[in-house]
Structures are given as C-alpha cells and as structure tokens.
C-alpha cells in the first residue's frame, strides 16, 4: 500500500480515498476492516483496535497492521487523524450517534471531564508565546476592536466582549443570525482596527468571510481556532490555537475559554491604570444601584454572632 506523506495530507477525504483505492490489494481481513470503516466511520473512529477486530472478525494485530499499511505510526495515530477530520465533517446527528459509545452516566462524566483536561494540557504544551504576545500588542494598538464568534463560539465572543468593554472605549461585538446584518456591522472596519474571529469545528462561513473582508480593508486579523490548517488561520495575521476535541455532540470550549481568559488578563495588565479607574467608578455605581447582593450568610458573620 502507498504511504501518506504527513499528517496534513492525512485528512478525512484522503483517508477514505486511500482505503477505497487500496482495497483491491488488501487481504480478506483488511477488506473487512476497510468496509466497516467506510460504512460507519463516525462510530469506527471512536472504537479501539480490539473492538474493531471483534466487530469485523479479525485480530487486534490485523487492525494495527491495517493502519500502519496506510502510512500511520500505529492505530492510535490513525484513529486520532480520523477523529480530527470528523470534527469538521460530522453533523450534530452523527455526533449524537457517536455519543452512544458511552456505557452509562458515570462513564460519560469521566470521559467528558478527561477530554477537557487533555484539551487544556495540549493547549498549554503547544501554545505559541510569540503569537500570543503579538496578539496582545495588536489589540493594545487598535483604534477599534471587532469581535466575532457565531453559533457555538458565541459564548466565547460574548465573554471576551464583556471584559474588553471594561478595557477599551470602542469594541464592536458582531453577533446576529442575519448574514446581511453581519456584513453591515463589519462594513466600517479599516486600517488601524483589529478583527478577532473565533470559530471551532464546524467552522462558521460568515466568520471566515468577515475575516477576509477585514483583511481586504487593511485591518489586522486575529484568529482563535483549533489548529493551523483551518480557514480561519489562513486569513489571519496572528492565530492562537486551543484544542477543542469533540467528546460528544456538544463542543468542548474549556481550552478556548482558558486561552481567551489569558488574553484578556494579559491585555488588562498593560492597561492597569485605565482599568483601576474604571473599576473604581463601576464599584461606586454598582453600590449605588445595588447591582450585587451584599447580604451575608452565617459564614461571613463573627463567630459569636453566628452562634447566637
């Protein structure tokens, strides 16, 4: 069988095409594996080599050899590559079907939390500190800041917008379900401005198009996404990456939120004097209008008062 050259070429389409192309040369057992993967890839991508072997009537070692013959280092490498591409390809219904692999609620809980931990760890280990610093300086030097995150990325852009409005005087949050309204909001962008586009699989077409437009208008563009070979990264001056591996039909936003949190804090530390004045004014305003609950529970009272 032919060998794949690198991980970037090993995308979902090439894996399927490669399997289809190589099937005539495969052994009987390998053909059984190939037919199963092609017919039910969203389930196969989350099965162990042993389970695929049991399902197709071959040994676990045959499944491992099958993945290596396709040019992968082993079955985990093959499985991970397929999962990466499925994040972009799977519909929410297919994601829901893939979630059936969880045995019970306890197993689901452990699996989801463990996936989020791994996403955070990977993001921490692979963060580009120079790109992060460049993004901070771009934001600090911007005349206007445009934030855009649609669909499942909307909470991320909303979180960022909430804090950026405390740090800067001119922050535009692009959020709407109408394509025309999206482009109308981005229309004034120009040189000296910064556009921050946030999107994770499946990637928002409107966000990508808005990033393209912002760049054409001479604005600086920052992408917050999951990896370098995404449409967002290709249209950005600086790209920041956070892993968001899919553990179910719900997108994992823990690592992206942590990255955005760090970006907000870094920018805030450079504008410390400004935010100190802002927070002093806000605290007085919040107290006057009783924005936050000031009542105390027994844990806040002196020991003698709480005991009476």
Protein backbone atom coordinates (compact mmCIF):
# COMPACT_ATOMS: atom_id res chain seq x y z
CA UNK A 1 0.00 0.00 0.00
CA UNK A 2 1.10 3.60 -0.57
CA UNK A 3 2.31 5.71 2.34
CA UNK A 4 0.88 9.05 3.37
CA UNK A 5 3.49 11.80 3.41
CA UNK A 6 2.46 13.69 6.54
CA UNK A 7 -0.38 14.40 8.93
CA UNK A 8 -1.60 17.40 6.95
CA UNK A 9 -2.25 15.22 3.91
CA UNK A 10 -3.97 12.62 6.09
CA UNK A 11 -7.36 14.29 6.18
CA UNK A 12 -10.76 12.66 6.23
CA UNK A 13 -11.17 12.67 2.45
CA UNK A 14 -7.70 11.28 1.76
CA UNK A 15 -8.16 8.51 4.33
CA UNK A 16 -11.38 7.39 2.66
CA UNK A 17 -9.96 7.74 -0.85
CA UNK A 18 -6.85 5.87 0.18
CA UNK A 19 -8.81 3.00 1.68
CA UNK A 20 -11.03 2.77 -1.41
CA UNK A 21 -8.01 2.88 -3.70
CA UNK A 22 -6.07 0.24 -1.78
CA UNK A 23 -8.97 -2.17 -1.14
CA UNK A 24 -8.30 -4.38 -4.18
CA UNK A 25 -4.78 -5.06 -2.86
CA UNK A 26 -5.89 -5.80 0.71
CA UNK A 27 -6.14 -9.17 2.36
CA UNK A 28 -9.54 -10.60 3.23
CA UNK A 29 -9.27 -9.44 6.85
CA UNK A 30 -8.13 -5.94 5.86
CA UNK A 31 -11.04 -5.63 3.43
CA UNK A 32 -13.44 -6.40 6.30
CA UNK A 33 -11.88 -3.59 8.32
CA UNK A 34 -12.00 -1.22 5.36
CA UNK A 35 -15.67 -1.93 4.61
CA UNK A 36 -16.63 -1.37 8.24
CA UNK A 37 -14.76 1.97 8.48
CA UNK A 38 -16.21 3.23 5.22
CA UNK A 39 -19.75 2.25 6.15
CA UNK A 40 -19.75 3.55 9.76
CA UNK A 41 -16.79 5.91 10.15
CA UNK A 42 -18.37 8.08 12.86
CA UNK A 43 -18.58 5.02 15.13
CA UNK A 44 -15.36 3.37 13.98
CA UNK A 45 -13.32 6.49 14.77
CA UNK A 46 -14.07 6.05 18.48
CA UNK A 47 -13.60 2.30 18.71
CA UNK A 48 -10.45 0.62 19.94
CA UNK A 49 -8.46 -1.63 17.62
CA UNK A 50 -9.67 -4.62 19.66
CA UNK A 51 -13.33 -3.66 19.26
CA UNK A 52 -12.97 -3.15 15.52
CA UNK A 53 -11.31 -6.55 15.38
CA UNK A 54 -14.19 -8.17 17.27
CA UNK A 55 -16.74 -6.43 15.03
CA UNK A 56 -15.05 -7.47 11.79
CA UNK A 57 -13.88 -10.93 12.84
CA UNK A 58 -10.14 -10.24 12.73
CA UNK A 59 -7.42 -9.95 15.36
CA UNK A 60 -6.41 -6.70 17.03
CA UNK A 61 -2.95 -7.01 15.47
CA UNK A 62 -4.56 -7.12 11.99
CA UNK A 63 -6.27 -3.80 12.71
CA UNK A 64 -2.97 -2.30 13.86
CA UNK A 65 -1.20 -3.57 10.71
CA UNK A 66 -4.04 -2.17 8.59
CA UNK A 67 -3.46 1.35 9.98
CA UNK A 68 0.31 1.06 9.59
CA UNK A 69 -0.04 -0.11 5.98
CA UNK A 70 -1.90 3.14 5.33
CA UNK A 71 1.17 5.04 6.50
CA UNK A 72 0.31 5.74 10.13
CA UNK A 73 2.62 5.12 13.08
CA UNK A 74 0.04 2.84 14.63
CA UNK A 75 -3.66 2.54 15.32
CA UNK A 76 -3.81 5.47 17.81
CA UNK A 77 -2.28 7.74 15.15
CA UNK A 78 -4.80 6.55 12.57
CA UNK A 79 -7.71 6.94 14.99
CA UNK A 80 -6.67 10.43 16.08
CA UNK A 81 -6.30 11.61 12.47
CA UNK A 82 -9.75 10.31 11.60
CA UNK A 83 -11.29 11.93 14.68
CA UNK A 84 -9.64 15.29 13.85
CA UNK A 85 -11.25 15.39 10.43
CA UNK A 86 -14.59 14.09 11.64
CA UNK A 87 -14.89 17.18 13.83
CA UNK A 88 -15.33 19.18 10.64
CA UNK A 89 -17.41 16.64 8.72
CA UNK A 90 -19.90 15.27 11.23
CA UNK A 91 -23.38 16.71 11.53
CA UNK A 92 -24.87 17.10 15.01
CA UNK A 93 -27.00 14.00 14.42
CA UNK A 94 -23.87 11.99 13.58
CA UNK A 95 -22.18 13.39 16.68
CA UNK A 96 -25.18 12.26 18.71
CA UNK A 97 -24.88 8.78 17.24
CA UNK A 98 -21.17 8.72 18.06
CA UNK A 99 -22.04 9.57 21.68
CA UNK A 100 -23.77 6.19 22.01
CA UNK A 101 -20.36 4.72 22.81
CA UNK A 102 -20.77 5.85 26.43
CA UNK A 103 -21.99 3.00 28.59
CA UNK A 104 -23.65 4.94 31.40
CA UNK A 105 -23.82 8.36 33.05
CA UNK A 106 -20.76 7.73 35.22
CA UNK A 107 -18.65 6.69 32.24
CA UNK A 108 -19.89 9.72 30.29
CA UNK A 109 -18.96 12.06 33.16
CA UNK A 110 -15.42 10.69 33.43
CA UNK A 111 -14.91 10.70 29.67
CA UNK A 112 -16.10 14.29 29.13
CA UNK A 113 -14.04 15.69 32.02
CA UNK A 114 -10.96 13.71 30.95
CA UNK A 115 -11.30 15.04 27.40
CA UNK A 116 -11.44 18.61 28.68
CA UNK A 117 -8.34 18.01 30.84
CA UNK A 118 -6.47 16.65 27.83
CA UNK A 119 -7.58 19.61 25.70
CA UNK A 120 -6.24 22.02 28.32
CA UNK A 121 -2.98 20.12 28.65
CA UNK A 122 -2.41 20.02 24.89
CA UNK A 123 -3.20 23.74 24.56
CA UNK A 124 -0.79 24.59 27.38
CA UNK A 125 2.00 22.46 25.93
CA UNK A 126 1.67 23.82 22.38
CA UNK A 127 0.85 27.49 22.93
CA UNK A 128 2.84 29.86 20.71
CA UNK A 129 4.05 32.51 23.16
CA UNK A 130 5.29 34.82 20.41
CA UNK A 131 1.93 34.72 18.61
CA UNK A 132 0.21 35.36 21.94
CA UNK A 133 2.42 38.41 22.56
CA UNK A 134 1.82 39.68 19.03
CA UNK A 135 -1.94 39.37 19.53
CA UNK A 136 -1.73 41.34 22.78
CA UNK A 137 0.17 44.19 21.08
CA UNK A 138 -2.24 44.25 18.13
CA UNK A 139 -5.18 44.63 20.48
CA UNK A 140 -3.46 47.31 22.57
CA UNK A 141 -2.63 49.35 19.45
CA UNK A 142 -6.06 49.04 17.82
CA UNK A 143 -8.30 52.03 17.14
CA UNK A 144 -11.40 49.82 17.18
CA UNK A 145 -11.79 46.17 18.12
CA UNK A 146 -14.25 43.91 16.31
CA UNK A 147 -15.15 40.58 17.96
CA UNK A 148 -16.95 37.80 16.15
CA UNK A 149 -17.90 34.31 17.25
CA UNK A 150 -21.07 32.74 15.91
CA UNK A 151 -23.14 29.68 16.83
CA UNK A 152 -21.34 27.57 19.49
CA UNK A 153 -18.49 30.12 19.58
CA UNK A 154 -20.91 32.90 20.53
CA UNK A 155 -20.41 32.43 24.31
CA UNK A 156 -16.67 32.87 23.79
CA UNK A 157 -17.01 36.17 21.94
CA UNK A 158 -19.62 37.37 24.47
CA UNK A 159 -17.27 36.62 27.36
CA UNK A 160 -14.45 38.45 25.60
CA UNK A 161 -16.70 41.40 24.76
CA UNK A 162 -17.88 41.77 28.37
CA UNK A 163 -14.34 42.30 29.65
CA UNK A 164 -12.99 44.21 26.66
CA UNK A 165 -15.68 46.88 27.14
CA UNK A 166 -14.10 47.49 30.56
CA UNK A 167 -10.67 47.87 28.97
CA UNK A 168 -11.40 49.79 25.77
CA UNK A 169 -13.76 52.53 24.66
CA UNK A 170 -14.59 51.20 21.19
CA UNK A 171 -15.36 47.49 21.00
CA UNK A 172 -17.83 46.11 18.44
CA UNK A 173 -19.43 42.71 19.05
CA UNK A 174 -20.66 41.14 15.81
CA UNK A 175 -23.50 38.79 16.69
CA UNK A 176 -26.63 38.19 14.68
CA UNK A 177 -28.41 35.46 12.75
CA UNK A 178 -28.77 37.58 9.61
CA UNK A 179 -25.93 37.44 7.09
CA UNK A 180 -26.69 40.95 5.82
CA UNK A 181 -26.61 42.38 9.34
CA UNK A 182 -23.26 40.70 9.99
CA UNK A 183 -21.65 42.35 6.98
CA UNK A 184 -23.27 45.70 7.76
CA UNK A 185 -21.66 45.65 11.21
CA UNK A 186 -18.23 44.84 9.79
CA UNK A 187 -18.55 47.37 6.94
CA UNK A 188 -16.78 50.34 8.67
CA UNK A 189 -13.62 48.38 9.58
CA UNK A 190 -10.36 49.74 8.22
CA UNK A 191 -6.63 50.32 8.80
CA UNK A 192 -5.69 50.54 12.46
CA UNK A 193 -8.58 48.34 13.55
CA UNK A 194 -8.38 44.75 14.77
CA UNK A 195 -10.81 41.96 13.91
CA UNK A 196 -10.83 38.91 16.21
CA UNK A 197 -12.53 35.88 14.67
CA UNK A 198 -13.40 32.90 16.86
CA UNK A 199 -14.56 29.60 15.43
CA UNK A 200 -14.11 25.88 16.05
CA UNK A 201 -15.34 22.84 14.11
CA UNK A 202 -17.58 23.13 12.27
CA UNK A 203 -16.19 26.47 11.13
CA UNK A 204 -18.54 29.41 10.56
CA UNK A 205 -18.59 30.58 6.94
CA UNK A 206 -19.71 34.08 7.97
CA UNK A 207 -16.81 34.43 10.39
CA UNK A 208 -14.34 33.38 7.69
CA UNK A 209 -15.87 35.76 5.15
CA UNK A 210 -15.81 38.63 7.65
CA UNK A 211 -12.13 37.95 8.37
CA UNK A 212 -11.39 38.05 4.65
CA UNK A 213 -13.23 41.35 4.30
CA UNK A 214 -11.46 42.86 7.32
CA UNK A 215 -8.09 41.97 5.87
CA UNK A 216 -9.00 43.42 2.48
CA UNK A 217 -9.92 46.65 4.25
CA UNK A 218 -6.46 46.86 5.83
CA UNK A 219 -7.37 45.79 9.37
CA UNK A 220 -5.27 43.41 11.43
CA UNK A 221 -6.87 40.00 11.90
CA UNK A 222 -6.51 37.61 14.85
CA UNK A 223 -7.89 34.07 14.69
CA UNK A 224 -8.77 31.96 17.71
CA UNK A 225 -9.30 28.42 16.49
CA UNK A 226 -8.10 24.86 16.97
CA UNK A 227 -5.23 24.31 14.51
CA UNK A 228 -3.07 25.89 11.83
CA UNK A 229 -4.61 24.33 8.71
CA UNK A 230 -8.05 25.88 9.25
CA UNK A 231 -9.67 28.55 7.03
CA UNK A 232 -9.54 31.00 9.95
CA UNK A 233 -5.80 30.63 10.44
CA UNK A 234 -5.20 31.09 6.72
CA UNK A 235 -6.93 34.50 6.75
CA UNK A 236 -5.28 35.79 9.95
CA UNK A 237 -2.18 37.85 10.67
CA UNK A 238 -1.87 36.07 14.01
CA UNK A 239 -3.51 32.79 15.01
CA UNK A 240 -3.93 31.40 18.53
CA UNK A 241 -4.78 27.73 18.91
CA UNK A 242 -6.73 25.86 21.57
CA UNK A 243 -7.76 22.23 21.28
CA UNK A 244 -11.49 21.54 21.26
CA UNK A 245 -11.69 17.80 20.64
CA UNK A 246 -15.25 16.60 20.32
CA UNK A 247 -16.28 14.19 23.06
CA UNK A 248 -19.98 14.33 22.15
CA UNK A 249 -22.50 16.37 20.18
CA UNK A 250 -21.57 19.32 22.44
CA UNK A 251 -18.44 21.31 21.52
CA UNK A 252 -15.69 21.41 24.14
CA UNK A 253 -14.91 25.08 24.83
CA UNK A 254 -12.86 24.70 28.03
CA UNK A 255 -9.41 25.20 26.46
CA UNK A 256 -10.56 28.03 24.13
CA UNK A 257 -12.11 29.84 27.10
CA UNK A 258 -8.89 29.44 29.09
CA UNK A 259 -6.87 30.90 26.21
CA UNK A 260 -9.27 33.85 25.90
CA UNK A 261 -9.13 34.36 29.66
CA UNK A 262 -5.32 34.59 29.47
CA UNK A 263 -5.55 37.05 26.57
CA UNK A 264 -7.95 39.31 28.50
CA UNK A 265 -5.73 39.29 31.60
CA UNK A 266 -2.57 39.98 29.56
CA UNK A 267 -4.19 42.94 27.82
CA UNK A 268 -5.60 44.17 31.13
CA UNK A 269 -2.19 44.16 32.81
CA UNK A 270 -0.92 46.51 30.09
CA UNK A 271 -3.85 48.85 30.77
CA UNK A 272 -3.75 48.56 34.55
CA UNK A 273 -4.11 52.29 35.26
CA UNK A 274 -7.12 52.54 32.93
CA UNK A 275 -8.96 49.59 34.44
CA UNK A 276 -8.23 50.70 38.01
CA UNK A 277 -10.06 53.96 37.29
CA UNK A 278 -12.83 52.07 35.50
CA UNK A 279 -13.35 49.61 38.35
CA UNK A 280 -13.35 52.35 40.98
CA UNK A 281 -16.12 54.17 39.10
CA UNK A 282 -18.04 50.95 38.48
CA UNK A 283 -17.86 49.84 42.12
CA UNK A 284 -19.42 53.15 43.20
CA UNK A 285 -22.11 52.76 40.55
CA UNK A 286 -22.78 49.12 41.48
CA UNK A 287 -23.10 50.02 45.15
CA UNK A 288 -25.47 52.90 44.41
CA UNK A 289 -27.80 50.76 42.30
CA UNK A 290 -27.30 47.56 44.32
CA UNK A 291 -26.11 45.55 41.33
CA UNK A 292 -24.61 42.85 43.54
CA UNK A 293 -26.13 41.20 46.58
CA UNK A 294 -24.43 42.50 49.73
CA UNK A 295 -26.22 40.25 52.21
CA UNK A 296 -24.04 37.98 54.36
CA UNK A 297 -24.63 34.39 55.32
CA UNK A 298 -23.57 32.84 58.63
CA UNK A 299 -20.13 32.04 57.23
CA UNK A 300 -19.42 35.78 56.92
CA UNK A 301 -20.52 36.68 60.46
CA UNK A 302 -18.28 36.78 63.53
CA UNK A 303 -18.21 33.50 65.44
CA UNK A 304 -20.14 34.85 68.43
CA UNK A 305 -22.85 36.36 66.18
CA UNK A 306 -23.26 33.21 64.11
CA UNK A 307 -23.64 31.08 67.21
CA UNK A 308 -26.44 33.14 68.75
